[in-house]
Amino acid sequence: MDVKEAVRSALTYAADLFADQQIDDLCLEEVQRDEYGKDWCITVGFTRRGARPGAMQAVLGLPRVYKVVRVSSDGALRSVTNREV
């Protein structure tokens, strides 16, 4: 699986997994291989329409959420974790 296929898979997985949370602006943020060169670790970012931002975030816009979608070389979803900013 090349990087473009891995990114497409990660975006599709994220869209499906978080569909009930009313996400917007889903996009690619970062791509890297794991330490063994087997899995793709793809960071995706999005906003949640239902999120209630604090006072400062209300001025700046909805907070962005970042997730690392780990996709194996055969295209299987391995994990989805929070990406600390």
PDB file of N, CA and C in Angstrom:
ATOM      1  N   MET A   1       0.846  -1.167   0.000  1.00  0.00           N
ATOM      2  CA  MET A   1       0.000   0.000   0.000  1.00  0.00           C
ATOM      3  C   MET A   1       0.898   1.238   0.000  1.00  0.00           C
ATOM      4  N   ASP A   2       0.651   2.136  -0.945  1.00  0.00           N
ATOM      5  CA  ASP A   2       1.455   3.351  -0.986  1.00  0.00           C
ATOM      6  C   ASP A   2       0.814   4.427  -0.104  1.00  0.00           C
ATOM      7  N   VAL A   3       1.480   5.558   0.008  1.00  0.00           N
ATOM      8  CA  VAL A   3       1.039   6.606   0.920  1.00  0.00           C
ATOM      9  C   VAL A   3      -0.325   7.173   0.541  1.00  0.00           C
ATOM     10  N   LYS A   4      -0.596   7.322  -0.735  1.00  0.00           N
ATOM     11  CA  LYS A   4      -1.884   7.869  -1.159  1.00  0.00           C
ATOM     12  C   LYS A   4      -3.031   6.934  -0.783  1.00  0.00           C
ATOM     13  N   GLU A   5      -2.825   5.646  -0.972  1.00  0.00           N
ATOM     14  CA  GLU A   5      -3.853   4.670  -0.590  1.00  0.00           C
ATOM     15  C   GLU A   5      -4.059   4.670   0.925  1.00  0.00           C
ATOM     16  N   ALA A   6      -2.979   4.766   1.667  1.00  0.00           N
ATOM     17  CA  ALA A   6      -3.066   4.772   3.130  1.00  0.00           C
ATOM     18  C   ALA A   6      -3.825   6.008   3.622  1.00  0.00           C
ATOM     19  N   VAL A   7      -3.557   7.153   3.020  1.00  0.00           N
ATOM     20  CA  VAL A   7      -4.253   8.382   3.401  1.00  0.00           C
ATOM     21  C   VAL A   7      -5.741   8.276   3.079  1.00  0.00           C
ATOM     22  N   ARG A   8      -6.075   7.780   1.898  1.00  0.00           N
ATOM     23  CA  ARG A   8      -7.486   7.603   1.542  1.00  0.00           C
ATOM     24  C   ARG A   8      -8.187   6.685   2.541  1.00  0.00           C
ATOM     25  N   SER A   9      -7.514   5.593   2.905  1.00  0.00           N
ATOM     26  CA  SER A   9      -8.091   4.663   3.880  1.00  0.00           C
ATOM     27  C   SER A   9      -8.296   5.338   5.229  1.00  0.00           C
ATOM     28  N   ALA A  10      -7.298   6.071   5.690  1.00  0.00           N
ATOM     29  CA  ALA A  10      -7.388   6.741   6.991  1.00  0.00           C
ATOM     30  C   ALA A  10      -8.530   7.754   7.017  1.00  0.00           C
ATOM     31  N   LEU A  11      -8.667   8.544   5.964  1.00  0.00           N
ATOM     32  CA  LEU A  11      -9.744   9.526   5.905  1.00  0.00           C
ATOM     33  C   LEU A  11     -11.113   8.847   5.867  1.00  0.00           C
ATOM     34  N   THR A  12     -11.210   7.744   5.142  1.00  0.00           N
ATOM     35  CA  THR A  12     -12.466   6.996   5.081  1.00  0.00           C
ATOM     36  C   THR A  12     -12.809   6.405   6.440  1.00  0.00           C
ATOM     37  N   TYR A  13     -11.820   5.792   7.105  1.00  0.00           N
ATOM     38  CA  TYR A  13     -12.044   5.239   8.442  1.00  0.00           C
ATOM     39  C   TYR A  13     -12.502   6.326   9.406  1.00  0.00           C
ATOM     40  N   ALA A  14     -11.822   7.453   9.415  1.00  0.00           N
ATOM     41  CA  ALA A  14     -12.179   8.538  10.333  1.00  0.00           C
ATOM     42  C   ALA A  14     -13.587   9.056  10.052  1.00  0.00           C
ATOM     43  N   ALA A  15     -13.922   9.257   8.798  1.00  0.00           N
ATOM     44  CA  ALA A  15     -15.255   9.742   8.442  1.00  0.00           C
ATOM     45  C   ALA A  15     -16.331   8.772   8.916  1.00  0.00           C
ATOM     46  N   ASP A  16     -16.096   7.489   8.740  1.00  0.00           N
ATOM     47  CA  ASP A  16     -17.062   6.475   9.171  1.00  0.00           C
ATOM     48  C   ASP A  16     -17.155   6.391  10.691  1.00  0.00           C
ATOM     49  N   LEU A  17     -16.015   6.375  11.361  1.00  0.00           N
ATOM     50  CA  LEU A  17     -15.999   6.218  12.816  1.00  0.00           C
ATOM     51  C   LEU A  17     -16.620   7.399  13.555  1.00  0.00           C
ATOM     52  N   PHE A  18     -16.436   8.610  13.043  1.00  0.00           N
ATOM     53  CA  PHE A  18     -16.905   9.798  13.732  1.00  0.00           C
ATOM     54  C   PHE A  18     -18.130  10.430  13.073  1.00  0.00           C
ATOM     55  N   ALA A  19     -18.783   9.718  12.178  1.00  0.00           N
ATOM     56  CA  ALA A  19     -19.924  10.260  11.432  1.00  0.00           C
ATOM     57  C   ALA A  19     -21.046  10.731  12.353  1.00  0.00           C
ATOM     58  N   ASP A  20     -21.312  10.025  13.432  1.00  0.00           N
ATOM     59  CA  ASP A  20     -22.406  10.400  14.327  1.00  0.00           C
ATOM     60  C   ASP A  20     -22.064  11.592  15.220  1.00  0.00           C
ATOM     61  N   GLN A  21     -20.831  12.077  15.148  1.00  0.00           N
ATOM     62  CA  GLN A  21     -20.408  13.217  15.961  1.00  0.00           C
ATOM     63  C   GLN A  21     -20.408  14.528  15.177  1.00  0.00           C
ATOM     64  N   GLN A  22     -20.996  14.522  14.010  1.00  0.00           N
ATOM     65  CA  GLN A  22     -21.134  15.722  13.180  1.00  0.00           C
ATOM     66  C   GLN A  22     -19.807  16.441  12.981  1.00  0.00           C
ATOM     67  N   ILE A  23     -18.870  15.766  12.340  1.00  0.00           N
ATOM     68  CA  ILE A  23     -17.561  16.380  12.111  1.00  0.00           C
ATOM     69  C   ILE A  23     -17.545  17.158  10.794  1.00  0.00           C
ATOM     70  N   ASP A  24     -16.700  18.179  10.765  1.00  0.00           N
ATOM     71  CA  ASP A  24     -16.505  19.010   9.573  1.00  0.00           C
ATOM     72  C   ASP A  24     -15.020  19.172   9.321  1.00  0.00           C
ATOM     73  N   ASP A  25     -14.696  19.570   8.116  1.00  0.00           N
ATOM     74  CA  ASP A  25     -13.324  19.924   7.744  1.00  0.00           C
ATOM     75  C   ASP A  25     -12.314  18.802   8.005  1.00  0.00           C
ATOM     76  N   LEU A  26     -12.701  17.578   7.723  1.00  0.00           N
ATOM     77  CA  LEU A  26     -11.793  16.442   7.873  1.00  0.00           C
ATOM     78  C   LEU A  26     -10.692  16.538   6.825  1.00  0.00           C
ATOM     79  N   CYS A  27      -9.452  16.527   7.280  1.00  0.00           N
ATOM     80  CA  CYS A  27      -8.355  16.600   6.320  1.00  0.00           C
ATOM     81  C   CYS A  27      -7.081  15.977   6.883  1.00  0.00           C
ATOM     82  N   LEU A  28      -6.183  15.721   5.974  1.00  0.00           N
ATOM     83  CA  LEU A  28      -4.874  15.174   6.299  1.00  0.00           C
ATOM     84  C   LEU A  28      -4.026  16.236   6.975  1.00  0.00           C
ATOM     85  N   GLU A  29      -3.340  15.843   8.049  1.00  0.00           N
ATOM     86  CA  GLU A  29      -2.439  16.759   8.750  1.00  0.00           C
ATOM     87  C   GLU A  29      -0.989  16.304   8.670  1.00  0.00           C
ATOM     88  N   GLU A  30      -0.764  14.978   8.769  1.00  0.00           N
ATOM     89  CA  GLU A  30       0.604  14.479   8.853  1.00  0.00           C
ATOM     90  C   GLU A  30       0.624  12.989   8.503  1.00  0.00           C
ATOM     91  N   VAL A  31       1.727  12.548   7.904  1.00  0.00           N
ATOM     92  CA  VAL A  31       1.898  11.131   7.559  1.00  0.00           C
ATOM     93  C   VAL A  31       3.305  10.691   7.943  1.00  0.00           C
ATOM     94  N   GLN A  32       3.399   9.523   8.541  1.00  0.00           N
ATOM     95  CA  GLN A  32       4.708   8.929   8.796  1.00  0.00           C
ATOM     96  C   GLN A  32       4.558   7.419   8.914  1.00  0.00           C
ATOM     97  N   ARG A  33       5.669   6.740   8.770  1.00  0.00           N
ATOM     98  CA  ARG A  33       5.696   5.295   8.983  1.00  0.00           C
ATOM     99  C   ARG A  33       5.980   5.027  10.448  1.00  0.00           C
ATOM    100  N   ASP A  34       5.536   3.868  10.939  1.00  0.00           N
ATOM    101  CA  ASP A  34       5.865   3.512  12.314  1.00  0.00           C
ATOM    102  C   ASP A  34       7.347   3.176  12.428  1.00  0.00           C
ATOM    103  N   GLU A  35       7.791   2.904  13.633  1.00  0.00           N
ATOM    104  CA  GLU A  35       9.211   2.666  13.870  1.00  0.00           C
ATOM    105  C   GLU A  35       9.749   1.425  13.170  1.00  0.00           C
ATOM    106  N   TYR A  36       8.864   0.519  12.747  1.00  0.00           N
ATOM    107  CA  TYR A  36       9.289  -0.704  12.054  1.00  0.00           C
ATOM    108  C   TYR A  36       9.111  -0.615  10.542  1.00  0.00           C
ATOM    109  N   GLY A  37       8.531   0.479  10.063  1.00  0.00           N
ATOM    110  CA  GLY A  37       8.323   0.666   8.635  1.00  0.00           C
ATOM    111  C   GLY A  37       7.203  -0.179   8.058  1.00  0.00           C
ATOM    112  N   LYS A  38       6.311  -0.667   8.930  1.00  0.00           N
ATOM    113  CA  LYS A  38       5.220  -1.533   8.463  1.00  0.00           C
ATOM    114  C   LYS A  38       3.882  -0.803   8.355  1.00  0.00           C
ATOM    115  N   ASP A  39       3.548  -0.043   9.384  1.00  0.00           N
ATOM    116  CA  ASP A  39       2.250   0.632   9.417  1.00  0.00           C
ATOM    117  C   ASP A  39       2.397   2.107   9.064  1.00  0.00           C
ATOM    118  N   TRP A  40       1.326   2.667   8.529  1.00  0.00           N
ATOM    119  CA  TRP A  40       1.247   4.106   8.290  1.00  0.00           C
ATOM    120  C   TRP A  40       0.573   4.737   9.496  1.00  0.00           C
ATOM    121  N   CYS A  41       1.144   5.809  10.019  1.00  0.00           N
ATOM    122  CA  CYS A  41       0.565   6.581  11.115  1.00  0.00           C
ATOM    123  C   CYS A  41       0.139   7.915  10.516  1.00  0.00           C
ATOM    124  N   ILE A  42      -1.158   8.068  10.347  1.00  0.00           N
ATOM    125  CA  ILE A  42      -1.692   9.205   9.609  1.00  0.00           C
ATOM    126  C   ILE A  42      -2.507  10.082  10.552  1.00  0.00           C
ATOM    127  N   THR A  43      -2.076  11.317  10.720  1.00  0.00           N
ATOM    128  CA  THR A  43      -2.805  12.255  11.563  1.00  0.00           C
ATOM    129  C   THR A  43      -3.838  12.973  10.716  1.00  0.00           C
ATOM    130  N   VAL A  44      -5.098  12.922  11.185  1.00  0.00           N
ATOM    131  CA  VAL A  44      -6.189  13.633  10.535  1.00  0.00           C
ATOM    132  C   VAL A  44      -6.737  14.657  11.524  1.00  0.00           C
ATOM    133  N   GLY A  45      -7.265  15.722  11.006  1.00  0.00           N
ATOM    134  CA  GLY A  45      -7.846  16.756  11.853  1.00  0.00           C
ATOM    135  C   GLY A  45      -9.260  17.068  11.411  1.00  0.00           C
ATOM    136  N   PHE A  46     -10.087  17.486  12.372  1.00  0.00           N
ATOM    137  CA  PHE A  46     -11.461  17.869  12.067  1.00  0.00           C
ATOM    138  C   PHE A  46     -12.019  18.705  13.211  1.00  0.00           C
ATOM    139  N   THR A  47     -13.186  19.306  12.971  1.00  0.00           N
ATOM    140  CA  THR A  47     -13.930  20.008  14.015  1.00  0.00           C
ATOM    141  C   THR A  47     -15.240  19.265  14.219  1.00  0.00           C
ATOM    142  N   ARG A  48     -15.786  19.422  15.414  1.00  0.00           N
ATOM    143  CA  ARG A  48     -17.087  18.829  15.731  1.00  0.00           C
ATOM    144  C   ARG A  48     -18.105  19.960  15.827  1.00  0.00           C
ATOM    145  N   ARG A  49     -19.150  19.879  15.022  1.00  0.00           N
ATOM    146  CA  ARG A  49     -20.177  20.925  15.025  1.00  0.00           C
ATOM    147  C   ARG A  49     -20.853  21.048  16.379  1.00  0.00           C
ATOM    148  N   GLY A  50     -21.007  19.939  17.084  1.00  0.00           N
ATOM    149  CA  GLY A  50     -21.698  19.947  18.376  1.00  0.00           C
ATOM    150  C   GLY A  50     -20.838  20.395  19.535  1.00  0.00           C
ATOM    151  N   ALA A  51     -19.562  20.662  19.291  1.00  0.00           N
ATOM    152  CA  ALA A  51     -18.649  21.054  20.376  1.00  0.00           C
ATOM    153  C   ALA A  51     -19.016  22.436  20.897  1.00  0.00           C
ATOM    154  N   ARG A  52     -18.877  22.606  22.193  1.00  0.00           N
ATOM    155  CA  ARG A  52     -19.140  23.905  22.805  1.00  0.00           C
ATOM    156  C   ARG A  52     -17.811  24.537  23.191  1.00  0.00           C
ATOM    157  N   PRO A  53     -17.343  25.445  22.392  1.00  0.00           N
ATOM    158  CA  PRO A  53     -16.052  26.063  22.688  1.00  0.00           C
ATOM    159  C   PRO A  53     -16.127  27.008  23.878  1.00  0.00           C
ATOM    160  N   GLY A  54     -14.998  27.206  24.541  1.00  0.00           N
ATOM    161  CA  GLY A  54     -14.886  28.182  25.612  1.00  0.00           C
ATOM    162  C   GLY A  54     -14.879  29.586  25.031  1.00  0.00           C
ATOM    163  N   ALA A  55     -14.766  30.589  25.901  1.00  0.00           N
ATOM    164  CA  ALA A  55     -14.841  31.987  25.466  1.00  0.00           C
ATOM    165  C   ALA A  55     -13.780  32.326  24.418  1.00  0.00           C
ATOM    166  N   MET A  56     -12.533  31.955  24.682  1.00  0.00           N
ATOM    167  CA  MET A  56     -11.460  32.268  23.736  1.00  0.00           C
ATOM    168  C   MET A  56     -11.631  31.484  22.441  1.00  0.00           C
ATOM    169  N   GLN A  57     -12.023  30.219  22.556  1.00  0.00           N
ATOM    170  CA  GLN A  57     -12.208  29.400  21.359  1.00  0.00           C
ATOM    171  C   GLN A  57     -13.394  29.886  20.536  1.00  0.00           C
ATOM    172  N   ALA A  58     -14.391  30.491  21.194  1.00  0.00           N
ATOM    173  CA  ALA A  58     -15.534  31.032  20.459  1.00  0.00           C
ATOM    174  C   ALA A  58     -15.086  32.150  19.526  1.00  0.00           C
ATOM    175  N   VAL A  59     -14.113  32.919  19.980  1.00  0.00           N
ATOM    176  CA  VAL A  59     -13.580  34.002  19.152  1.00  0.00           C
ATOM    177  C   VAL A  59     -12.749  33.439  18.001  1.00  0.00           C
ATOM    178  N   LEU A  60     -11.961  32.416  18.306  1.00  0.00           N
ATOM    179  CA  LEU A  60     -11.043  31.844  17.318  1.00  0.00           C
ATOM    180  C   LEU A  60     -11.688  30.784  16.428  1.00  0.00           C
ATOM    181  N   GLY A  61     -12.837  30.263  16.808  1.00  0.00           N
ATOM    182  CA  GLY A  61     -13.499  29.203  16.047  1.00  0.00           C
ATOM    183  C   GLY A  61     -13.515  27.913  16.840  1.00  0.00           C
ATOM    184  N   LEU A  62     -14.172  26.906  16.305  1.00  0.00           N
ATOM    185  CA  LEU A  62     -14.273  25.617  16.990  1.00  0.00           C
ATOM    186  C   LEU A  62     -12.895  24.982  17.148  1.00  0.00           C
ATOM    187  N   PRO A  63     -12.681  24.309  18.272  1.00  0.00           N
ATOM    188  CA  PRO A  63     -11.379  23.664  18.463  1.00  0.00           C
ATOM    189  C   PRO A  63     -11.190  22.511  17.477  1.00  0.00           C
ATOM    190  N   ARG A  64     -10.002  22.366  17.011  1.00  0.00           N
ATOM    191  CA  ARG A  64      -9.672  21.295  16.071  1.00  0.00           C
ATOM    192  C   ARG A  64      -9.295  20.054  16.867  1.00  0.00           C
ATOM    193  N   VAL A  65      -9.746  18.909  16.403  1.00  0.00           N
ATOM    194  CA  VAL A  65      -9.443  17.608  17.006  1.00  0.00           C
ATOM    195  C   VAL A  65      -8.468  16.901  16.084  1.00  0.00           C
ATOM    196  N   TYR A  66      -7.453  16.276  16.671  1.00  0.00           N
ATOM    197  CA  TYR A  66      -6.462  15.551  15.880  1.00  0.00           C
ATOM    198  C   TYR A  66      -6.422  14.101  16.331  1.00  0.00           C
ATOM    199  N   LYS A  67      -6.472  13.196  15.375  1.00  0.00           N
ATOM    200  CA  LYS A  67      -6.424  11.763  15.641  1.00  0.00           C
ATOM    201  C   LYS A  67      -5.335  11.128  14.785  1.00  0.00           C
ATOM    202  N   VAL A  68      -4.666  10.130  15.338  1.00  0.00           N
ATOM    203  CA  VAL A  68      -3.697   9.349  14.577  1.00  0.00           C
ATOM    204  C   VAL A  68      -4.385   8.044  14.189  1.00  0.00           C
ATOM    205  N   VAL A  69      -4.536   7.855  12.897  1.00  0.00           N
ATOM    206  CA  VAL A  69      -5.144   6.639  12.355  1.00  0.00           C
ATOM    207  C   VAL A  69      -4.005   5.748  11.883  1.00  0.00           C
ATOM    208  N   ARG A  70      -3.890   4.594  12.495  1.00  0.00           N
ATOM    209  CA  ARG A  70      -2.807   3.666  12.143  1.00  0.00           C
ATOM    210  C   ARG A  70      -3.360   2.609  11.197  1.00  0.00           C
ATOM    211  N   VAL A  71      -2.779   2.561   9.995  1.00  0.00           N
ATOM    212  CA  VAL A  71      -3.236   1.655   8.935  1.00  0.00           C
ATOM    213  C   VAL A  71      -2.097   0.702   8.595  1.00  0.00           C
ATOM    214  N   SER A  72      -2.400  -0.599   8.566  1.00  0.00           N
ATOM    215  CA  SER A  72      -1.367  -1.586   8.236  1.00  0.00           C
ATOM    216  C   SER A  72      -1.064  -1.559   6.746  1.00  0.00           C
ATOM    217  N   SER A  73       0.013  -2.201   6.376  1.00  0.00           N
ATOM    218  CA  SER A  73       0.431  -2.207   4.970  1.00  0.00           C
ATOM    219  C   SER A  73      -0.575  -2.903   4.060  1.00  0.00           C
ATOM    220  N   ASP A  74      -1.464  -3.729   4.646  1.00  0.00           N
ATOM    221  CA  ASP A  74      -2.501  -4.384   3.834  1.00  0.00           C
ATOM    222  C   ASP A  74      -3.821  -3.609   3.847  1.00  0.00           C
ATOM    223  N   GLY A  75      -3.819  -2.420   4.489  1.00  0.00           N
ATOM    224  CA  GLY A  75      -4.995  -1.557   4.474  1.00  0.00           C
ATOM    225  C   GLY A  75      -5.927  -1.702   5.657  1.00  0.00           C
ATOM    226  N   ALA A  76      -5.629  -2.595   6.579  1.00  0.00           N
ATOM    227  CA  ALA A  76      -6.489  -2.801   7.738  1.00  0.00           C
ATOM    228  C   ALA A  76      -6.285  -1.685   8.767  1.00  0.00           C
ATOM    229  N   LEU A  77      -7.360  -1.325   9.431  1.00  0.00           N
ATOM    230  CA  LEU A  77      -7.283  -0.344  10.505  1.00  0.00           C
ATOM    231  C   LEU A  77      -6.685  -1.009  11.738  1.00  0.00           C
ATOM    232  N   ARG A  78      -5.604  -0.437  12.265  1.00  0.00           N
ATOM    233  CA  ARG A  78      -4.973  -0.979  13.480  1.00  0.00           C
ATOM    234  C   ARG A  78      -5.446  -0.237  14.723  1.00  0.00           C
ATOM    235  N   SER A  79      -5.502   1.096  14.645  1.00  0.00           N
ATOM    236  CA  SER A  79      -5.929   1.866  15.807  1.00  0.00           C
ATOM    237  C   SER A  79      -6.246   3.300  15.410  1.00  0.00           C
ATOM    238  N   VAL A  80      -6.973   3.962  16.318  1.00  0.00           N
ATOM    239  CA  VAL A  80      -7.236   5.396  16.224  1.00  0.00           C
ATOM    240  C   VAL A  80      -6.982   5.957  17.615  1.00  0.00           C
ATOM    241  N   THR A  81      -6.036   6.894  17.711  1.00  0.00           N
ATOM    242  CA  THR A  81      -5.678   7.465  19.009  1.00  0.00           C
ATOM    243  C   THR A  81      -5.684   8.983  18.939  1.00  0.00           C
ATOM    244  N   ASN A  82      -5.737   9.604  20.103  1.00  0.00           N
ATOM    245  CA  ASN A  82      -5.668  11.060  20.166  1.00  0.00           C
ATOM    246  C   ASN A  82      -4.269  11.526  19.850  1.00  0.00           C
ATOM    247  N   ARG A  83      -4.172  12.627  19.158  1.00  0.00           N
ATOM    248  CA  ARG A  83      -2.872  13.259  18.857  1.00  0.00           C
ATOM    249  C   ARG A  83      -2.807  14.517  19.683  1.00  0.00           C
ATOM    250  N   GLU A  84      -1.903  14.546  20.641  1.00  0.00           N
ATOM    251  CA  GLU A  84      -1.745  15.726  21.478  1.00  0.00           C
ATOM    252  C   GLU A  84      -1.100  16.849  20.667  1.00  0.00           C
ATOM    253  N   VAL A  85      -1.579  18.047  20.880  1.00  0.00           N
ATOM    254  CA  VAL A  85      -1.069  19.198  20.140  1.00  0.00           C
ATOM    255  C   VAL A  85      -0.078  19.950  20.995  1.00  0.00           C
TER     256      VAL A  85
END
